[in-house]
Amino acid sequence: MPEILLEMKNIQKYFAGVHALDDVSISINAGEVHALVGENGAGKSTLMKILSGIYQKDGGSIIYKGQEVEISSPLEAQIMGITMIHQELNLMPHLTVAENIFIGREPTRGIFVDDTKSNQMAKELLDSLNIDIDPTVRVNTLSIAKQQMVEIAKALSFENTSLLIMDEPTAALTEGEIQDLFKMIRDLRAQGKSIIYISHRLEELPQIADRVTVLRDGQYIDTLNIEDATRQKIISMMVGREIYYDPKEKSNVPEDAPVILEVRNLVANNVKNVSFKLRKGEILGFAGLMGAGRTETMRAIFGADPLASGEIYMNGEKVEIKSPYDAVSHGISYLSEDRRAFGLAIGLSVKENAVMASIEEFSSTLFMDDKKIADVTNEYVEKLSVKTPSINQLVRNLSGGNQQKLVVAKWLIKDSEIFIFDEPTRGIDVGAKSEIYDLMEQLVNEGKSIIMISSEIPELLRMSDRIVVMCEGRITGELDISEATQEKIMSYATMNM
């Protein structure tokens, strides 16, 4: 019987009324690599942030090394021997490797830091882990893979470290660097260390994991021994939630519908040779897991991020889009996944936000045409059923769904032809989702075209005419809605590049 290092029992967590973790339990054996998988929003990171002291649980218990414990901070977790290595590394780039490893615990000589001893200790630690890094170099000169090794060394510099949590550790690594990391993980397991390994790359798991736990929608689904955890079985467990809306059975777009937007060989930040076409009156879904490059692709098309190379055509004509202003001029609108930060000025009124993208149309010389602004705002508030007591209401006081509809109103007033919806229903309730879906269908019925990024596969199946799937900056699959299934989408989204 393996020795149990950690048990998390019946963990509960709420965020502003959202039940993020609902009675989740997991156990970790001493000296095992335990994979934790699930779709975006399944609760993986939330559970691990509770274990590492970043979040506080709202219910349940944590039993570590046979004792029930309360973990109130990351420092307290670290003292216990639990360390989380985040996908976004927490190193200080301007300091040396040794300074990062021992920061706050530097060896001293009298009242001064003993750099010589610090470097020597770091060298011994790195050598013991078979990490070939000079402890005197600055961290900002190292590759991401090397920085990750430094993070691991830093965690293991605490003598009592027993449990490492790795969150998407291979997301930014090359194949060779991944194999180096896997070797280190195997060595740590051989030394009796336990590792919780969060990853969406299912093909990696048989190489390193002993067991796999699946979470879905904040709930525990099952734990499997790795020999029983086929890729297809894990995918089925990950996506097995109820679909509240019937999926679309066939595309509503005529076969001869003109191509309104074509992207050829697009290369940009985390975007690698992406090409696709969007037809008039089409909803083109973009699927993929976190870091797949979907948002980066759309930001490059919209001119928010620079293009390294590639071409963009609208209605068969090549266009130059170097800024969002250029995109808007060509009839492209972008509804960001973070509507409060990038789509709205929440400290301004409904009417001020509604005309923000087309303000020049409502001004003559030095003065604004307030009556014209009020008339057009009232027209679209009524048309889109935006629930607000007045067009003078501050946007921060609207619900999430009504804020989203106001962003759409802003671009309709601008008379956009192409709408890029990035996570259009994130953070809004089921009723508001239905209204957004109805609005999107209304737009395409009027001849508009929509690109929709969504991490909710049922949403993509409900709304899309075609679905493009991305993984690691590349398009790995394209499915007509008539052939699309959750399993096929997840298979493409986790495809090893």
Protein backbone atom coordinates (compact mmCIF):
# COMPACT_ATOMS: atom_id res chain seq x y z
CA MET A 1 0.00 0.00 0.00
CA PRO A 2 1.61 3.30 -1.04
CA GLU A 3 2.23 5.94 1.59
CA ILE A 4 -0.21 8.86 1.27
CA LEU A 5 1.56 12.24 1.41
CA LEU A 6 -1.43 14.51 0.90
CA GLU A 7 -5.21 14.34 1.06
CA MET A 8 -7.53 17.19 0.10
CA LYS A 9 -11.04 16.24 1.19
CA ASN A 10 -14.35 17.82 0.13
CA ILE A 11 -12.77 21.15 -0.84
CA GLN A 12 -15.18 24.02 -1.47
CA LYS A 13 -14.39 27.41 -3.01
CA TYR A 14 -16.66 30.30 -3.99
CA PHE A 15 -15.85 33.45 -5.95
CA ALA A 16 -18.56 36.15 -5.85
CA GLY A 17 -21.24 33.50 -5.67
CA VAL A 18 -19.68 31.21 -8.29
CA HIS A 19 -19.09 27.67 -6.99
CA ALA A 20 -15.55 27.23 -8.35
CA LEU A 21 -14.83 24.00 -6.45
CA ASP A 22 -17.67 21.76 -5.37
CA ASP A 23 -16.72 18.99 -2.92
CA VAL A 24 -13.40 18.13 -4.61
CA SER A 25 -11.17 15.43 -3.13
CA ILE A 26 -7.75 14.22 -4.26
CA SER A 27 -4.94 12.20 -2.69
CA ILE A 28 -1.24 12.21 -3.59
CA ASN A 29 1.10 9.33 -2.79
CA ALA A 30 4.68 9.83 -1.65
CA GLY A 31 7.09 9.58 -4.57
CA GLU A 32 4.52 9.76 -7.39
CA VAL A 33 3.87 12.05 -10.34
CA HIS A 34 0.15 12.80 -10.25
CA ALA A 35 -1.32 14.48 -13.34
CA LEU A 36 -4.24 16.89 -12.89
CA VAL A 37 -6.24 17.56 -16.05
CA GLY A 38 -9.45 19.22 -17.17
CA GLU A 39 -10.75 21.86 -19.54
CA ASN A 40 -10.15 25.57 -19.00
CA GLY A 41 -12.16 26.58 -15.94
CA ALA A 42 -12.38 23.04 -14.55
CA GLY A 43 -10.86 24.16 -11.23
CA LYS A 44 -7.34 22.75 -11.51
CA SER A 45 -5.45 25.96 -10.77
CA THR A 46 -7.94 27.02 -8.09
CA LEU A 47 -7.42 23.73 -6.23
CA MET A 48 -3.65 24.05 -6.43
CA LYS A 49 -3.72 27.69 -5.36
CA ILE A 50 -5.57 26.56 -2.23
CA LEU A 51 -2.92 23.91 -1.62
CA SER A 52 -0.11 26.42 -2.10
CA GLY A 53 -1.69 29.06 0.16
CA ILE A 54 -2.59 31.62 -2.50
CA TYR A 55 -6.35 31.09 -1.96
CA GLN A 56 -8.15 30.05 1.21
CA LYS A 57 -10.66 27.20 1.04
CA ASP A 58 -14.29 27.79 2.02
CA GLY A 59 -14.81 24.22 3.17
CA GLY A 60 -13.17 20.82 3.43
CA SER A 61 -9.86 19.72 4.91
CA ILE A 62 -6.19 19.29 3.96
CA ILE A 63 -4.23 16.45 5.52
CA TYR A 64 -0.49 16.61 4.90
CA LYS A 65 1.93 14.01 6.21
CA GLY A 66 -0.84 12.60 8.41
CA GLN A 67 -1.76 15.93 10.06
CA GLU A 68 -4.68 18.23 9.25
CA VAL A 69 -3.23 21.61 8.30
CA GLU A 70 -4.37 25.13 7.46
CA ILE A 71 -2.26 26.80 4.77
CA SER A 72 -2.71 30.55 5.01
CA SER A 73 0.05 31.78 2.68
CA PRO A 74 2.57 30.62 0.07
CA LEU A 75 5.34 31.09 2.64
CA GLU A 76 3.54 28.82 5.07
CA ALA A 77 3.14 26.20 2.32
CA GLN A 78 6.82 26.48 1.46
CA ILE A 79 7.83 26.01 5.10
CA MET A 80 5.69 22.84 5.16
CA GLY A 81 7.47 21.60 2.02
CA ILE A 82 4.86 22.46 -0.65
CA THR A 83 5.92 24.68 -3.56
CA MET A 84 4.03 25.71 -6.70
CA ILE A 85 5.93 26.51 -9.90
CA HIS A 86 3.59 28.70 -11.93
CA GLN A 87 3.32 28.84 -15.70
CA GLU A 88 4.32 32.50 -15.38
CA LEU A 89 7.66 32.12 -13.62
CA ASN A 90 8.24 34.09 -10.41
CA LEU A 91 11.92 34.95 -10.76
CA MET A 92 13.60 38.33 -10.51
CA PRO A 93 15.22 38.73 -13.93
CA HIS A 94 17.78 41.36 -12.93
CA LEU A 95 19.26 39.14 -10.18
CA THR A 96 21.65 36.23 -10.60
CA VAL A 97 20.67 32.57 -10.43
CA ALA A 98 22.15 32.23 -6.93
CA GLU A 99 20.45 35.42 -5.73
CA ASN A 100 17.09 34.12 -6.97
CA ILE A 101 17.52 30.73 -5.34
CA PHE A 102 18.40 32.08 -1.89
CA ILE A 103 16.56 35.41 -1.89
CA GLY A 104 15.53 36.23 1.68
CA ARG A 105 17.79 33.44 2.99
CA GLU A 106 21.19 34.65 1.79
CA PRO A 107 24.26 33.39 3.69
CA THR A 108 25.97 36.25 5.48
CA ARG A 109 29.41 37.13 6.75
CA GLY A 110 28.89 39.55 9.57
CA ILE A 111 26.36 42.12 8.36
CA PHE A 112 27.14 41.52 4.66
CA VAL A 113 25.75 38.99 2.19
CA ASP A 114 28.38 36.35 1.43
CA ASP A 115 28.10 36.16 -2.38
CA THR A 116 30.93 33.64 -2.63
CA LYS A 117 29.20 31.19 -0.31
CA SER A 118 25.83 31.82 -2.00
CA ASN A 119 27.31 31.01 -5.41
CA GLN A 120 29.01 27.90 -4.01
CA MET A 121 25.80 26.64 -2.39
CA ALA A 122 23.86 27.29 -5.61
CA LYS A 123 26.49 25.43 -7.64
CA GLU A 124 26.30 22.41 -5.35
CA LEU A 125 22.50 22.40 -5.54
CA LEU A 126 22.44 22.73 -9.33
CA ASP A 127 25.08 19.99 -9.72
CA SER A 128 23.06 17.66 -7.49
CA LEU A 129 20.12 18.15 -9.86
CA ASN A 130 22.31 17.75 -12.97
CA ILE A 131 21.47 21.30 -14.03
CA ASP A 132 24.26 22.91 -16.06
CA ILE A 133 23.76 26.60 -15.24
CA ASP A 134 26.31 29.13 -14.00
CA PRO A 135 24.95 30.46 -10.66
CA THR A 136 26.52 33.89 -11.28
CA VAL A 137 24.63 34.72 -14.50
CA ARG A 138 21.59 36.96 -14.49
CA VAL A 139 18.29 35.15 -14.93
CA ASN A 140 17.21 37.39 -17.83
CA THR A 141 20.02 35.91 -19.95
CA LEU A 142 18.62 32.37 -19.64
CA SER A 143 16.11 30.57 -21.86
CA ILE A 144 12.63 29.89 -20.49
CA ALA A 145 13.60 26.23 -20.00
CA LYS A 146 16.67 27.19 -17.96
CA GLN A 147 14.63 29.66 -15.91
CA GLN A 148 12.21 26.86 -15.14
CA MET A 149 15.11 24.72 -13.93
CA VAL A 150 16.14 27.59 -11.65
CA GLU A 151 12.58 27.70 -10.25
CA ILE A 152 12.77 23.97 -9.51
CA ALA A 153 16.19 24.36 -7.89
CA LYS A 154 14.85 27.24 -5.79
CA ALA A 155 11.96 25.07 -4.60
CA LEU A 156 14.32 22.22 -3.71
CA SER A 157 16.71 24.54 -1.87
CA PHE A 158 14.29 24.21 1.03
CA GLU A 159 15.53 20.99 2.60
CA ASN A 160 12.06 19.73 3.58
CA THR A 161 10.44 20.13 0.13
CA SER A 162 8.29 17.05 -0.45
CA LEU A 163 5.68 18.22 -2.96
CA LEU A 164 6.15 20.23 -6.16
CA ILE A 165 3.18 21.59 -8.11
CA MET A 166 3.96 22.26 -11.78
CA ASP A 167 1.41 24.30 -13.74
CA GLU A 168 1.71 23.75 -17.53
CA PRO A 169 5.52 23.38 -17.25
CA THR A 170 6.10 22.51 -20.92
CA ALA A 171 3.93 25.23 -22.50
CA ALA A 172 6.88 27.31 -23.72
CA LEU A 173 9.51 24.58 -24.18
CA THR A 174 10.99 22.88 -27.24
CA GLU A 175 10.84 19.09 -27.57
CA GLY A 176 14.46 18.73 -26.43
CA GLU A 177 13.84 20.96 -23.41
CA ILE A 178 10.72 18.96 -22.56
CA GLN A 179 12.72 15.75 -22.47
CA ASP A 180 15.30 17.40 -20.18
CA LEU A 181 12.47 18.44 -17.86
CA PHE A 182 10.98 14.94 -17.90
CA LYS A 183 14.36 13.47 -16.92
CA MET A 184 14.52 15.84 -13.96
CA ILE A 185 10.98 14.90 -12.94
CA ARG A 186 11.86 11.20 -13.04
CA ASP A 187 14.99 11.85 -10.97
CA LEU A 188 12.96 13.76 -8.38
CA ARG A 189 10.42 10.93 -8.19
CA ALA A 190 13.29 8.47 -7.66
CA GLN A 191 14.42 10.66 -4.72
CA GLY A 192 10.97 10.29 -3.14
CA LYS A 193 9.58 13.69 -4.12
CA SER A 194 5.92 13.97 -5.14
CA ILE A 195 4.84 16.08 -8.10
CA ILE A 196 1.40 17.34 -9.11
CA TYR A 197 1.59 17.95 -12.84
CA ILE A 198 -1.05 20.19 -14.47
CA SER A 199 -1.09 19.88 -18.25
CA HIS A 200 -3.39 19.96 -21.29
CA ARG A 201 -0.87 17.97 -23.36
CA LEU A 202 -2.38 14.55 -22.85
CA GLU A 203 0.27 12.82 -24.95
CA GLU A 204 2.86 13.72 -22.28
CA LEU A 205 1.16 11.94 -19.42
CA PRO A 206 2.15 8.32 -20.16
CA GLN A 207 5.79 9.43 -20.24
CA ILE A 208 5.88 10.70 -16.66
CA ALA A 209 2.62 10.28 -14.70
CA ASP A 210 1.71 7.45 -12.34
CA ARG A 211 -1.94 8.48 -11.91
CA VAL A 212 -4.32 11.00 -13.49
CA THR A 213 -7.15 12.92 -11.81
CA VAL A 214 -9.80 14.64 -13.95
CA LEU A 215 -11.79 17.69 -12.83
CA ARG A 216 -14.77 19.08 -14.72
CA ASP A 217 -16.77 22.22 -13.94
CA GLY A 218 -15.27 22.46 -10.44
CA GLN A 219 -16.08 18.85 -9.56
CA TYR A 220 -14.01 15.70 -9.11
CA ILE A 221 -14.69 13.14 -11.85
CA ASP A 222 -12.26 10.25 -11.30
CA THR A 223 -8.65 9.16 -10.70
CA LEU A 224 -7.10 6.56 -13.00
CA ASN A 225 -3.86 4.62 -12.97
CA ILE A 226 -1.87 5.74 -16.00
CA GLU A 227 -2.07 2.29 -17.64
CA ASP A 228 -5.88 2.62 -17.64
CA ALA A 229 -5.94 6.27 -18.75
CA THR A 230 -6.19 6.17 -22.52
CA ARG A 231 -6.20 9.52 -24.28
CA GLN A 232 -9.74 8.98 -25.52
CA LYS A 233 -10.97 8.02 -22.05
CA ILE A 234 -9.46 11.16 -20.50
CA ILE A 235 -10.99 13.36 -23.22
CA SER A 236 -14.43 11.80 -22.65
CA MET A 237 -14.12 12.47 -18.92
CA MET A 238 -12.99 16.04 -19.51
CA VAL A 239 -15.87 16.99 -21.83
CA GLY A 240 -18.64 14.82 -20.44
CA ARG A 241 -20.76 17.63 -19.07
CA GLU A 242 -24.35 18.20 -20.06
CA ILE A 243 -24.93 20.38 -23.09
CA TYR A 244 -27.67 22.88 -22.33
CA TYR A 245 -28.18 23.92 -25.96
CA ASP A 246 -28.67 21.56 -28.85
CA PRO A 247 -25.67 21.65 -31.18
CA LYS A 248 -26.13 23.07 -34.65
CA GLU A 249 -26.61 20.19 -37.08
CA LYS A 250 -25.56 21.92 -40.29
CA SER A 251 -24.09 25.17 -41.51
CA ASN A 252 -26.48 27.98 -42.40
CA VAL A 253 -24.00 29.51 -44.84
CA PRO A 254 -24.69 29.03 -48.59
CA GLU A 255 -21.92 27.21 -50.45
CA ASP A 256 -21.50 30.19 -52.78
CA ALA A 257 -21.31 32.77 -49.98
CA PRO A 258 -18.45 35.20 -50.74
CA VAL A 259 -15.25 35.17 -48.71
CA ILE A 260 -15.26 38.43 -46.77
CA LEU A 261 -11.96 37.87 -44.91
CA GLU A 262 -8.95 35.74 -45.80
CA VAL A 263 -5.83 35.39 -43.69
CA ARG A 264 -2.72 33.89 -45.31
CA ASN A 265 0.36 32.58 -43.50
CA LEU A 266 0.00 34.86 -40.49
CA VAL A 267 3.00 34.94 -38.15
CA ALA A 268 2.96 37.00 -34.94
CA ASN A 269 3.35 36.56 -31.18
CA ASN A 270 2.48 32.88 -30.49
CA VAL A 271 0.98 32.65 -34.00
CA LYS A 272 2.69 30.27 -36.43
CA ASN A 273 1.70 30.30 -40.11
CA VAL A 274 -2.06 30.64 -39.59
CA SER A 275 -4.37 30.70 -42.64
CA PHE A 276 -8.18 30.64 -42.79
CA LYS A 277 -11.22 32.11 -44.59
CA LEU A 278 -14.38 33.73 -43.23
CA ARG A 279 -17.52 33.85 -45.39
CA LYS A 280 -20.32 36.40 -45.39
CA GLY A 281 -23.02 35.49 -42.89
CA GLU A 282 -20.84 32.86 -41.19
CA ILE A 283 -20.05 32.19 -37.54
CA LEU A 284 -16.53 30.75 -37.55
CA GLY A 285 -15.65 29.22 -34.19
CA PHE A 286 -12.10 29.10 -32.85
CA ALA A 287 -11.39 26.35 -30.31
CA GLY A 288 -8.27 25.54 -28.33
CA LEU A 289 -6.89 25.38 -24.82
CA MET A 290 -5.16 28.12 -22.90
CA GLY A 291 -2.08 29.36 -24.76
CA ALA A 292 -3.23 27.93 -28.10
CA GLY A 293 -2.79 31.30 -29.82
CA ARG A 294 -6.43 32.13 -30.62
CA THR A 295 -6.52 35.55 -28.98
CA GLU A 296 -3.05 36.41 -30.31
CA THR A 297 -4.24 35.58 -33.85
CA MET A 298 -7.21 37.91 -33.56
CA ARG A 299 -5.20 40.70 -31.97
CA ALA A 300 -2.77 40.51 -34.89
CA ILE A 301 -5.63 40.68 -37.42
CA PHE A 302 -7.11 43.65 -35.55
CA GLY A 303 -3.76 45.48 -35.51
CA ALA A 304 -3.43 45.40 -31.72
CA ASP A 305 -0.21 43.36 -31.99
CA PRO A 306 2.38 43.62 -34.80
CA LEU A 307 2.58 41.11 -37.63
CA ALA A 308 5.92 39.45 -38.33
CA SER A 309 4.63 38.29 -41.72
CA GLY A 310 1.47 37.24 -43.53
CA GLU A 311 -1.30 38.80 -45.59
CA ILE A 312 -4.89 39.88 -44.90
CA TYR A 313 -7.52 40.16 -47.66
CA MET A 314 -11.00 41.66 -47.41
CA ASN A 315 -13.47 40.98 -50.19
CA GLY A 316 -10.55 39.77 -52.31
CA GLU A 317 -8.48 42.94 -51.85
CA LYS A 318 -5.24 42.93 -49.88
CA VAL A 319 -5.35 45.34 -46.93
CA GLU A 320 -2.74 46.75 -44.57
CA ILE A 321 -3.81 46.68 -40.93
CA LYS A 322 -1.17 48.15 -38.66
CA SER A 323 -3.40 49.45 -35.88
CA PRO A 324 -6.91 48.99 -34.46
CA TYR A 325 -7.82 52.25 -36.22
CA ASP A 326 -6.97 50.60 -39.55
CA ALA A 327 -9.06 47.54 -38.65
CA VAL A 328 -12.07 49.63 -37.66
CA SER A 329 -11.74 51.63 -40.89
CA HIS A 330 -12.01 48.34 -42.81
CA GLY A 331 -15.15 47.33 -40.90
CA ILE A 332 -13.60 44.93 -38.37
CA SER A 333 -14.60 45.10 -34.71
CA TYR A 334 -13.04 43.24 -31.81
CA LEU A 335 -14.93 42.38 -28.65
CA SER A 336 -12.20 41.48 -26.15
CA GLU A 337 -12.56 38.68 -23.61
CA ASP A 338 -11.92 41.38 -20.97
CA ARG A 339 -14.72 43.78 -21.90
CA ARG A 340 -14.22 45.93 -18.81
CA ALA A 341 -10.54 46.55 -19.53
CA PHE A 342 -10.56 46.79 -23.33
CA GLY A 343 -14.16 47.11 -24.54
CA LEU A 344 -15.69 49.71 -22.27
CA ALA A 345 -14.92 52.80 -20.25
CA ILE A 346 -16.86 51.72 -17.18
CA GLY A 347 -16.62 55.13 -15.54
CA LEU A 348 -18.54 56.72 -18.43
CA SER A 349 -22.21 56.52 -19.30
CA VAL A 350 -24.06 54.15 -21.61
CA LYS A 351 -24.41 56.80 -24.32
CA GLU A 352 -20.73 57.83 -24.14
CA ASN A 353 -19.65 54.21 -24.57
CA ALA A 354 -22.16 53.56 -27.35
CA VAL A 355 -20.67 56.21 -29.68
CA MET A 356 -17.05 55.85 -28.61
CA ALA A 357 -15.92 54.07 -31.80
CA SER A 358 -17.69 56.54 -34.11
CA ILE A 359 -17.40 59.80 -32.23
CA GLU A 360 -16.38 61.77 -35.32
CA GLU A 361 -19.82 61.10 -36.84
CA PHE A 362 -21.51 62.91 -33.96
CA SER A 363 -19.45 66.05 -33.85
CA SER A 364 -19.43 69.24 -35.87
CA THR A 365 -16.43 71.49 -35.43
CA LEU A 366 -16.03 71.94 -31.65
CA PHE A 367 -19.43 70.66 -30.49
CA MET A 368 -21.06 67.28 -29.98
CA ASP A 369 -24.56 66.63 -31.30
CA ASP A 370 -26.09 65.45 -28.03
CA LYS A 371 -29.56 64.87 -29.51
CA LYS A 372 -28.16 62.66 -32.28
CA ILE A 373 -26.08 60.73 -29.74
CA ALA A 374 -29.11 60.23 -27.50
CA ASP A 375 -31.32 59.13 -30.41
CA VAL A 376 -28.90 56.53 -31.78
CA THR A 377 -28.08 55.21 -28.29
CA ASN A 378 -31.75 54.80 -27.42
CA GLU A 379 -32.31 53.05 -30.76
CA TYR A 380 -29.66 50.42 -30.09
CA VAL A 381 -30.44 50.05 -26.39
CA GLU A 382 -33.97 49.14 -27.46
CA LYS A 383 -32.86 47.00 -30.41
CA LEU A 384 -30.46 44.93 -28.27
CA SER A 385 -32.64 44.95 -25.13
CA VAL A 386 -29.92 46.52 -23.00
CA LYS A 387 -31.38 46.73 -19.51
CA THR A 388 -30.50 50.14 -18.11
CA PRO A 389 -32.63 52.73 -16.27
CA SER A 390 -31.19 55.46 -18.49
CA ILE A 391 -28.63 56.01 -21.24
CA ASN A 392 -26.93 58.28 -18.67
CA GLN A 393 -26.33 55.33 -16.36
CA LEU A 394 -22.66 54.56 -15.64
CA VAL A 395 -21.59 51.36 -17.37
CA ARG A 396 -20.02 49.95 -14.20
CA ASN A 397 -23.55 49.60 -12.80
CA LEU A 398 -24.76 47.33 -15.62
CA SER A 399 -24.73 43.54 -15.41
CA GLY A 400 -22.10 41.59 -17.34
CA GLY A 401 -24.55 40.54 -20.03
CA ASN A 402 -25.77 44.10 -20.58
CA GLN A 403 -22.18 45.36 -20.70
CA GLN A 404 -21.49 42.79 -23.43
CA LYS A 405 -24.53 43.91 -25.41
CA LEU A 406 -23.37 47.51 -25.10
CA VAL A 407 -20.01 46.60 -26.64
CA VAL A 408 -21.91 45.07 -29.55
CA ALA A 409 -24.03 48.22 -29.83
CA LYS A 410 -20.87 50.31 -30.05
CA TRP A 411 -19.67 48.38 -33.08
CA LEU A 412 -23.11 48.23 -34.71
CA ILE A 413 -23.29 52.02 -34.54
CA LYS A 414 -19.90 52.04 -36.25
CA ASP A 415 -21.47 49.74 -38.90
CA SER A 416 -18.90 46.96 -38.70
CA GLU A 417 -19.10 44.03 -41.12
CA ILE A 418 -16.90 41.57 -39.20
CA PHE A 419 -17.28 40.94 -35.47
CA ILE A 420 -14.54 39.13 -33.55
CA PHE A 421 -16.07 37.84 -30.31
CA ASP A 422 -13.42 36.70 -27.82
CA GLU A 423 -15.11 34.60 -25.09
CA PRO A 424 -18.46 36.38 -25.65
CA THR A 425 -20.29 34.81 -22.69
CA ARG A 426 -17.51 34.61 -20.10
CA GLY A 427 -18.75 35.70 -16.69
CA ILE A 428 -22.42 36.09 -17.60
CA ASP A 429 -25.39 34.02 -16.51
CA VAL A 430 -27.34 31.49 -18.54
CA GLY A 431 -30.15 33.89 -19.40
CA ALA A 432 -27.72 36.52 -20.66
CA LYS A 433 -25.88 33.85 -22.66
CA SER A 434 -29.08 33.03 -24.50
CA GLU A 435 -29.58 36.70 -25.35
CA ILE A 436 -26.01 36.98 -26.68
CA TYR A 437 -26.57 33.88 -28.81
CA ASP A 438 -29.78 35.35 -30.21
CA LEU A 439 -27.96 38.60 -30.96
CA MET A 440 -25.16 36.80 -32.81
CA GLU A 441 -27.68 34.89 -34.92
CA GLN A 442 -29.47 38.14 -35.67
CA LEU A 443 -26.19 39.69 -36.85
CA VAL A 444 -25.39 36.89 -39.31
CA ASN A 445 -28.98 36.88 -40.56
CA GLU A 446 -28.38 40.54 -41.46
CA GLY A 447 -25.28 39.54 -43.45
CA LYS A 448 -22.62 40.29 -40.85
CA SER A 449 -19.82 37.78 -40.24
CA ILE A 450 -18.54 36.59 -36.87
CA ILE A 451 -15.36 34.97 -35.58
CA MET A 452 -16.04 33.50 -32.13
CA ILE A 453 -13.32 32.37 -29.74
CA SER A 454 -14.71 30.22 -26.95
CA SER A 455 -13.30 27.84 -24.36
CA GLU A 456 -16.76 26.31 -23.94
CA ILE A 457 -17.08 23.50 -26.47
CA PRO A 458 -20.90 23.25 -26.12
CA GLU A 459 -21.05 26.95 -27.01
CA LEU A 460 -18.96 26.38 -30.14
CA LEU A 461 -21.17 23.45 -31.18
CA ARG A 462 -24.31 25.53 -30.55
CA MET A 463 -23.25 28.59 -32.56
CA SER A 464 -20.61 27.78 -35.20
CA ASP A 465 -20.98 26.95 -38.89
CA ARG A 466 -17.35 25.80 -38.95
CA ILE A 467 -14.82 25.30 -36.17
CA VAL A 468 -11.09 25.98 -36.48
CA VAL A 469 -9.00 24.32 -33.75
CA MET A 470 -5.62 25.68 -32.63
CA CYS A 471 -2.82 24.21 -30.53
CA GLU A 472 0.50 25.88 -29.68
CA GLY A 473 0.05 28.72 -32.17
CA ARG A 474 -0.95 26.56 -35.13
CA ILE A 475 -4.20 25.43 -36.73
CA THR A 476 -4.40 21.68 -36.09
CA GLY A 477 -7.87 21.00 -37.46
CA GLU A 478 -10.94 22.43 -39.17
CA LEU A 479 -14.39 20.88 -38.83
CA ASP A 480 -17.68 21.58 -40.54
CA ILE A 481 -20.32 21.78 -37.84
CA SER A 482 -22.04 18.70 -39.30
CA GLU A 483 -19.03 16.56 -38.32
CA ALA A 484 -17.87 18.37 -35.18
CA THR A 485 -18.00 16.66 -31.78
CA GLN A 486 -16.54 17.48 -28.39
CA GLU A 487 -14.16 14.54 -28.68
CA LYS A 488 -12.87 15.57 -32.12
CA ILE A 489 -12.33 19.16 -30.97
CA MET A 490 -10.44 18.09 -27.84
CA SER A 491 -8.36 15.66 -29.88
CA TYR A 492 -7.23 18.46 -32.21
CA ALA A 493 -6.79 20.88 -29.28
CA THR A 494 -4.36 18.51 -27.54
CA MET A 495 -2.55 17.37 -30.67
CA ASN A 496 1.21 17.15 -30.23
CA MET A 497 2.92 19.57 -32.59
